[in-house]
C-alpha atoms as a PDB file:
ATOM      1  CA  MET A   1       0.000   0.000   0.000  1.00  0.00           C
ATOM      2  CA  ARG A   2       2.807   2.410   0.895  1.00  0.00           C
ATOM      3  CA  THR A   3       4.463   1.782  -2.500  1.00  0.00           C
ATOM      4  CA  PHE A   4       1.189   2.521  -4.271  1.00  0.00           C
ATOM      5  CA  ILE A   5       0.748   5.806  -2.411  1.00  0.00           C
ATOM      6  CA  THR A   6       4.328   6.839  -3.158  1.00  0.00           C
ATOM      7  CA  LEU A   7       3.909   6.042  -6.847  1.00  0.00           C
ATOM      8  CA  PHE A   8       0.572   7.859  -6.915  1.00  0.00           C
ATOM      9  CA  LEU A   9       2.057  10.987  -5.337  1.00  0.00           C
ATOM     10  CA  LEU A  10       5.034  10.909  -7.691  1.00  0.00           C
ATOM     11  CA  THR A  11       2.679  10.629 -10.664  1.00  0.00           C
ATOM     12  CA  ILE A  12       0.576  13.533  -9.453  1.00  0.00           C
ATOM     13  CA  SER A  13       3.564  15.777  -8.731  1.00  0.00           C
ATOM     14  CA  THR A  14       5.161  14.959 -12.076  1.00  0.00           C
ATOM     15  CA  THR A  15       1.901  15.562 -13.902  1.00  0.00           C
ATOM     16  CA  PHE A  16       1.304  18.922 -12.261  1.00  0.00           C
ATOM     17  CA  PHE A  17       4.939  19.868 -12.568  1.00  0.00           C
ATOM     18  CA  ALA A  18       5.034  19.065 -16.269  1.00  0.00           C
ATOM     19  CA  GLN A  19       2.085  21.385 -16.866  1.00  0.00           C
ATOM     20  CA  ASP A  20       4.461  24.286 -16.264  1.00  0.00           C
ATOM     21  CA  TYR A  21       6.047  23.528 -19.641  1.00  0.00           C
ATOM     22  CA  ASN A  22       4.853  23.440 -23.217  1.00  0.00           C
ATOM     23  CA  LEU A  23       5.827  19.892 -24.147  1.00  0.00           C
ATOM     24  CA  LYS A  24       4.442  19.633 -27.641  1.00  0.00           C
ATOM     25  CA  LYS A  25       6.343  16.845 -29.419  1.00  0.00           C
ATOM     26  CA  GLY A  26       7.517  15.632 -25.987  1.00  0.00           C
ATOM     27  CA  PHE A  27      10.256  18.230 -25.489  1.00  0.00           C
ATOM     28  CA  VAL A  28      10.610  21.817 -24.362  1.00  0.00           C
ATOM     29  CA  ALA A  29      10.644  24.160 -27.407  1.00  0.00           C
ATOM     30  CA  GLU A  30       9.282  21.274 -29.517  1.00  0.00           C
ATOM     31  CA  GLY A  31      12.734  19.703 -29.483  1.00  0.00           C
ATOM     32  CA  TYR A  32      14.626  22.758 -30.692  1.00  0.00           C
ATOM     33  CA  ASP A  33      18.007  23.466 -29.112  1.00  0.00           C
ATOM     34  CA  VAL A  34      17.414  26.072 -26.394  1.00  0.00           C
ATOM     35  CA  VAL A  35      21.118  26.994 -26.300  1.00  0.00           C
ATOM     36  CA  ALA A  36      21.305  27.641 -30.062  1.00  0.00           C
ATOM     37  CA  TYR A  37      18.659  30.365 -29.720  1.00  0.00           C
ATOM     38  CA  PHE A  38      21.263  32.434 -27.872  1.00  0.00           C
ATOM     39  CA  ASN A  39      23.338  32.428 -31.062  1.00  0.00           C
ATOM     40  CA  ASN A  40      20.237  33.817 -32.817  1.00  0.00           C
ATOM     41  CA  LYS A  41      19.481  30.470 -34.472  1.00  0.00           C
ATOM     42  CA  ALA A  42      16.463  28.186 -34.253  1.00  0.00           C
ATOM     43  CA  VAL A  43      17.995  24.724 -34.654  1.00  0.00           C
ATOM     44  CA  LYS A  44      16.279  21.366 -34.253  1.00  0.00           C
ATOM     45  CA  GLY A  45      17.813  19.185 -31.592  1.00  0.00           C
ATOM     46  CA  ASP A  46      19.215  15.742 -32.249  1.00  0.00           C
ATOM     47  CA  LYS A  47      17.268  12.842 -30.738  1.00  0.00           C
ATOM     48  CA  LYS A  48      20.607  11.366 -29.632  1.00  0.00           C
ATOM     49  CA  ILE A  49      21.630  14.471 -27.664  1.00  0.00           C
ATOM     50  CA  THR A  50      19.083  14.973 -24.894  1.00  0.00           C
ATOM     51  CA  THR A  51      18.832  15.612 -21.199  1.00  0.00           C
ATOM     52  CA  THR A  52      16.151  15.874 -18.567  1.00  0.00           C
ATOM     53  CA  TYR A  53      15.970  18.879 -16.305  1.00  0.00           C
ATOM     54  CA  ASP A  54      13.198  19.932 -13.962  1.00  0.00           C
ATOM     55  CA  GLY A  55      11.284  16.783 -14.911  1.00  0.00           C
ATOM     56  CA  VAL A  56      11.123  17.607 -18.645  1.00  0.00           C
ATOM     57  CA  LYS A  57      13.189  16.713 -21.691  1.00  0.00           C
ATOM     58  CA  PHE A  58      15.400  18.924 -23.849  1.00  0.00           C
ATOM     59  CA  LYS A  59      17.115  18.203 -27.182  1.00  0.00           C
ATOM     60  CA  PHE A  60      20.348  19.761 -28.408  1.00  0.00           C
ATOM     61  CA  SER A  61      21.995  20.071 -31.801  1.00  0.00           C
ATOM     62  CA  THR A  62      25.518  19.557 -30.447  1.00  0.00           C
ATOM     63  CA  LYS A  63      27.160  17.946 -27.438  1.00  0.00           C
ATOM     64  CA  GLU A  64      28.758  21.328 -26.701  1.00  0.00           C
ATOM     65  CA  ASN A  65      25.323  22.931 -26.377  1.00  0.00           C
ATOM     66  CA  LEU A  66      24.209  20.117 -24.074  1.00  0.00           C
ATOM     67  CA  GLU A  67      27.237  20.740 -21.845  1.00  0.00           C
ATOM     68  CA  THR A  68      26.588  24.503 -21.900  1.00  0.00           C
ATOM     69  CA  PHE A  69      22.994  23.862 -20.810  1.00  0.00           C
ATOM     70  CA  LYS A  70      24.078  21.550 -17.995  1.00  0.00           C
ATOM     71  CA  LYS A  71      26.342  24.275 -16.560  1.00  0.00           C
ATOM     72  CA  SER A  72      23.529  26.838 -16.280  1.00  0.00           C
ATOM     73  CA  PRO A  73      20.150  25.327 -17.246  1.00  0.00           C
ATOM     74  CA  LYS A  74      17.938  28.087 -15.841  1.00  0.00           C
ATOM     75  CA  LYS A  75      19.512  30.585 -18.236  1.00  0.00           C
ATOM     76  CA  TYR A  76      18.262  28.621 -21.257  1.00  0.00           C
ATOM     77  CA  ILE A  77      14.770  27.585 -20.194  1.00  0.00           C
ATOM     78  CA  PRO A  78      12.210  29.551 -22.234  1.00  0.00           C
ATOM     79  CA  ALA A  79      10.124  32.134 -20.424  1.00  0.00           C
ATOM     80  CA  TYR A  80       6.615  31.048 -19.448  1.00  0.00           C
ATOM     81  CA  GLY A  81       7.475  27.388 -19.856  1.00  0.00           C
ATOM     82  CA  GLY A  82       7.882  27.785 -23.598  1.00  0.00           C
ATOM     83  CA  TYR A  83       4.322  28.970 -24.219  1.00  0.00           C
ATOM     84  CA  CYS A  84       3.643  31.987 -26.414  1.00  0.00           C
ATOM     85  CA  ALA A  85       4.873  35.055 -24.530  1.00  0.00           C
ATOM     86  CA  TYR A  86       2.383  37.303 -26.307  1.00  0.00           C
ATOM     87  CA  ALA A  87      -0.625  35.139 -25.393  1.00  0.00           C
ATOM     88  CA  ILE A  88       0.527  34.940 -21.771  1.00  0.00           C
ATOM     89  CA  GLY A  89       0.851  38.738 -21.703  1.00  0.00           C
ATOM     90  CA  VAL A  90      -2.380  39.668 -23.463  1.00  0.00           C
ATOM     91  CA  LYS A  91      -4.790  36.955 -22.351  1.00  0.00           C
ATOM     92  CA  GLY A  92      -3.014  34.936 -19.686  1.00  0.00           C
ATOM     93  CA  GLU A  93      -3.482  31.841 -21.860  1.00  0.00           C
ATOM     94  CA  LYS A  94      -1.105  28.985 -22.600  1.00  0.00           C
ATOM     95  CA  VAL A  95      -0.787  28.892 -26.388  1.00  0.00           C
ATOM     96  CA  SER A  96       1.550  26.694 -28.441  1.00  0.00           C
ATOM     97  CA  VAL A  97       4.384  28.244 -30.406  1.00  0.00           C
ATOM     98  CA  ASN A  98       6.275  28.050 -33.640  1.00  0.00           C
ATOM     99  CA  PRO A  99       9.768  27.275 -32.319  1.00  0.00           C
ATOM    100  CA  LYS A 100      11.308  29.201 -35.216  1.00  0.00           C
ATOM    101  CA  THR A 101       9.706  32.415 -33.934  1.00  0.00           C
ATOM    102  CA  PHE A 102      11.634  33.688 -30.935  1.00  0.00           C
ATOM    103  CA  GLU A 103      13.317  36.612 -29.290  1.00  0.00           C
ATOM    104  CA  ILE A 104      16.149  36.907 -26.800  1.00  0.00           C
ATOM    105  CA  ARG A 105      15.336  39.844 -24.520  1.00  0.00           C
ATOM    106  CA  ASP A 106      17.414  40.757 -21.485  1.00  0.00           C
ATOM    107  CA  GLY A 107      19.156  37.386 -21.608  1.00  0.00           C
ATOM    108  CA  LYS A 108      15.919  35.365 -21.643  1.00  0.00           C
ATOM    109  CA  LEU A 109      14.365  33.246 -24.415  1.00  0.00           C
ATOM    110  CA  TYR A 110      10.797  34.076 -25.471  1.00  0.00           C
ATOM    111  CA  LEU A 111       8.859  31.911 -27.929  1.00  0.00           C
ATOM    112  CA  PHE A 112       5.858  32.949 -30.025  1.00  0.00           C
ATOM    113  CA  TYR A 113       2.920  31.624 -32.012  1.00  0.00           C
ATOM    114  CA  ASN A 114       3.300  32.153 -35.759  1.00  0.00           C
ATOM    115  CA  ALA A 115       0.753  30.534 -38.061  1.00  0.00           C
ATOM    116  CA  TRP A 116      -2.242  31.313 -40.243  1.00  0.00           C
ATOM    117  CA  GLY A 117      -1.018  34.850 -40.889  1.00  0.00           C
ATOM    118  CA  THR A 118      -0.583  35.732 -37.213  1.00  0.00           C
ATOM    119  CA  ASN A 119       2.948  36.351 -36.006  1.00  0.00           C
ATOM    120  CA  THR A 120       2.711  37.200 -32.323  1.00  0.00           C
ATOM    121  CA  LEU A 121       6.392  38.189 -32.163  1.00  0.00           C
ATOM    122  CA  LYS A 122       5.591  41.114 -34.464  1.00  0.00           C
ATOM    123  CA  LEU A 123       2.550  41.984 -32.320  1.00  0.00           C
ATOM    124  CA  TRP A 124       4.686  41.722 -29.163  1.00  0.00           C
ATOM    125  CA  GLN A 125       7.193  44.193 -30.601  1.00  0.00           C
ATOM    126  CA  LYS A 126       4.575  46.520 -32.123  1.00  0.00           C
ATOM    127  CA  GLU A 127       2.359  46.688 -29.020  1.00  0.00           C
ATOM    128  CA  GLY A 128       5.238  47.236 -26.597  1.00  0.00           C
ATOM    129  CA  ALA A 129       7.297  44.246 -25.517  1.00  0.00           C
ATOM    130  CA  ASP A 130       8.375  45.748 -22.190  1.00  0.00           C
ATOM    131  CA  GLU A 131       4.799  46.399 -21.052  1.00  0.00           C
ATOM    132  CA  LEU A 132       3.585  43.038 -22.365  1.00  0.00           C
ATOM    133  CA  LYS A 133       6.440  41.297 -20.575  1.00  0.00           C
ATOM    134  CA  GLN A 134       5.365  42.876 -17.278  1.00  0.00           C
ATOM    135  CA  LYS A 135       1.779  41.721 -17.865  1.00  0.00           C
ATOM    136  CA  ALA A 136       2.982  38.262 -18.880  1.00  0.00           C
ATOM    137  CA  ASP A 137       5.074  37.960 -15.720  1.00  0.00           C
ATOM    138  CA  LYS A 138       2.010  38.748 -13.575  1.00  0.00           C
ATOM    139  CA  ASN A 139      -0.277  36.478 -15.602  1.00  0.00           C
ATOM    140  CA  TRP A 140       2.216  33.610 -15.457  1.00  0.00           C
ATOM    141  CA  GLU A 141       2.238  33.814 -11.652  1.00  0.00           C
ATOM    142  CA  LYS A 142      -1.554  33.468 -11.658  1.00  0.00           C
ATOM    143  CA  ILE A 143      -1.842  30.586 -14.136  1.00  0.00           C
ATOM    144  CA  ASN A 144       1.343  28.712 -13.231  1.00  0.00           C
ATOM    145  CA  PHE A 145       0.440  27.087  -9.934  1.00  0.00           C
END
């Protein structure tokens, strides 16, 4: 019985914990290399070069990027769990992203929705990224429990 309860609690905590991240395709940033973004490149990760951090999986395009991530993982984790920064700021909603649409702002990675003629990165910049970031930070605290 004790084993069952332990497994149940681990499952619950992992499930709730994982909700903090956009894990479309099973990986943060849909399997794109979160370190490569800091070189202003959106690069798909290699399925052979992965790690788990904070209970979720990350892919990398090179072993060097994996090692860089391991040294300072918090630096490379996308803001708002990898959900669309614009949608978090405007509506407080978790919306999927196009991992090729991103911005590095103040040393942090922000990802955006970009499909069907709507590029939220452009809206983010046009409508005032600094103000939207402040709103997104507050909204994320409310919805990320």
